[in-house]
């Protein structure tokens, strides 16, 4: 779980650095939305596996 938190923090730092150079919708999508979506997918898989493991106990 801490890996997920670290990745969110890294994305936030990246967005802060790039915010002035992100000028188009496409740039926003590729530099912010897609990486964030990937992190949400990762979080979903972590929660899904955690839930599955708790049911098996």
C-alpha atoms as a PDB file:
ATOM      1  CA  UNK A   1       0.000   0.000   0.000  1.00  0.00           C
ATOM      2  CA  UNK A   2       2.861   2.383   0.719  1.00  0.00           C
ATOM      3  CA  UNK A   3       4.085   1.852  -2.837  1.00  0.00           C
ATOM      4  CA  UNK A   4       0.754   3.206  -4.065  1.00  0.00           C
ATOM      5  CA  UNK A   5       1.003   6.248  -1.790  1.00  0.00           C
ATOM      6  CA  UNK A   6       4.557   6.895  -2.972  1.00  0.00           C
ATOM      7  CA  UNK A   7       3.466   6.713  -6.596  1.00  0.00           C
ATOM      8  CA  UNK A   8       0.620   9.170  -5.984  1.00  0.00           C
ATOM      9  CA  UNK A   9       3.065  11.564  -4.315  1.00  0.00           C
ATOM     10  CA  UNK A  10       5.461  11.199  -7.253  1.00  0.00           C
ATOM     11  CA  UNK A  11       2.676  11.927  -9.723  1.00  0.00           C
ATOM     12  CA  UNK A  12       1.680  15.026  -7.719  1.00  0.00           C
ATOM     13  CA  UNK A  13       5.285  16.278  -7.811  1.00  0.00           C
ATOM     14  CA  UNK A  14       5.451  15.612 -11.550  1.00  0.00           C
ATOM     15  CA  UNK A  15       2.220  17.501 -12.187  1.00  0.00           C
ATOM     16  CA  UNK A  16       3.463  20.470 -10.135  1.00  0.00           C
ATOM     17  CA  UNK A  17       6.598  20.601 -12.290  1.00  0.00           C
ATOM     18  CA  UNK A  18       4.695  20.276 -15.569  1.00  0.00           C
ATOM     19  CA  UNK A  19       1.610  22.385 -14.812  1.00  0.00           C
ATOM     20  CA  UNK A  20       2.858  25.485 -16.647  1.00  0.00           C
ATOM     21  CA  UNK A  21       3.801  23.517 -19.746  1.00  0.00           C
ATOM     22  CA  UNK A  22       0.570  21.502 -20.014  1.00  0.00           C
ATOM     23  CA  UNK A  23      -1.319  23.677 -22.484  1.00  0.00           C
ATOM     24  CA  UNK A  24      -3.641  21.346 -24.374  1.00  0.00           C
ATOM     25  CA  UNK A  25      -6.276  18.769 -23.577  1.00  0.00           C
ATOM     26  CA  UNK A  26      -4.087  16.054 -25.107  1.00  0.00           C
ATOM     27  CA  UNK A  27      -1.113  17.082 -22.957  1.00  0.00           C
ATOM     28  CA  UNK A  28      -3.336  16.979 -19.864  1.00  0.00           C
ATOM     29  CA  UNK A  29      -4.579  13.537 -20.786  1.00  0.00           C
ATOM     30  CA  UNK A  30      -1.139  12.044 -21.360  1.00  0.00           C
ATOM     31  CA  UNK A  31       0.662  13.709 -18.467  1.00  0.00           C
ATOM     32  CA  UNK A  32      -2.033  13.698 -15.753  1.00  0.00           C
ATOM     33  CA  UNK A  33      -5.165  11.700 -16.532  1.00  0.00           C
ATOM     34  CA  UNK A  34      -3.620   8.517 -17.928  1.00  0.00           C
ATOM     35  CA  UNK A  35      -1.004   8.135 -15.160  1.00  0.00           C
ATOM     36  CA  UNK A  36      -3.658   8.811 -12.514  1.00  0.00           C
ATOM     37  CA  UNK A  37      -5.978   6.260 -14.113  1.00  0.00           C
ATOM     38  CA  UNK A  38      -3.159   3.727 -14.036  1.00  0.00           C
ATOM     39  CA  UNK A  39      -2.690   4.385 -10.308  1.00  0.00           C
ATOM     40  CA  UNK A  40      -6.403   3.900  -9.667  1.00  0.00           C
ATOM     41  CA  UNK A  41      -6.275   0.580 -11.520  1.00  0.00           C
ATOM     42  CA  UNK A  42      -3.344  -0.428  -9.349  1.00  0.00           C
ATOM     43  CA  UNK A  43      -5.261   0.515  -6.191  1.00  0.00           C
ATOM     44  CA  UNK A  44      -8.295  -1.453  -7.352  1.00  0.00           C
ATOM     45  CA  UNK A  45      -6.161  -4.560  -7.857  1.00  0.00           C
ATOM     46  CA  UNK A  46      -4.573  -4.160  -4.417  1.00  0.00           C
ATOM     47  CA  UNK A  47      -7.985  -3.873  -2.768  1.00  0.00           C
ATOM     48  CA  UNK A  48      -9.411  -6.733  -4.799  1.00  0.00           C
ATOM     49  CA  UNK A  49      -6.557  -9.051  -3.821  1.00  0.00           C
ATOM     50  CA  UNK A  50      -6.766  -7.960  -0.201  1.00  0.00           C
ATOM     51  CA  UNK A  51     -10.509  -8.653  -0.120  1.00  0.00           C
ATOM     52  CA  UNK A  52     -10.026 -12.020  -1.805  1.00  0.00           C
ATOM     53  CA  UNK A  53      -7.321 -12.986   0.680  1.00  0.00           C
ATOM     54  CA  UNK A  54      -9.499 -11.995   3.644  1.00  0.00           C
ATOM     55  CA  UNK A  55     -12.274 -14.262   2.352  1.00  0.00           C
ATOM     56  CA  UNK A  56      -9.889 -17.203   2.111  1.00  0.00           C
ATOM     57  CA  UNK A  57      -8.843 -16.944   5.752  1.00  0.00           C
END
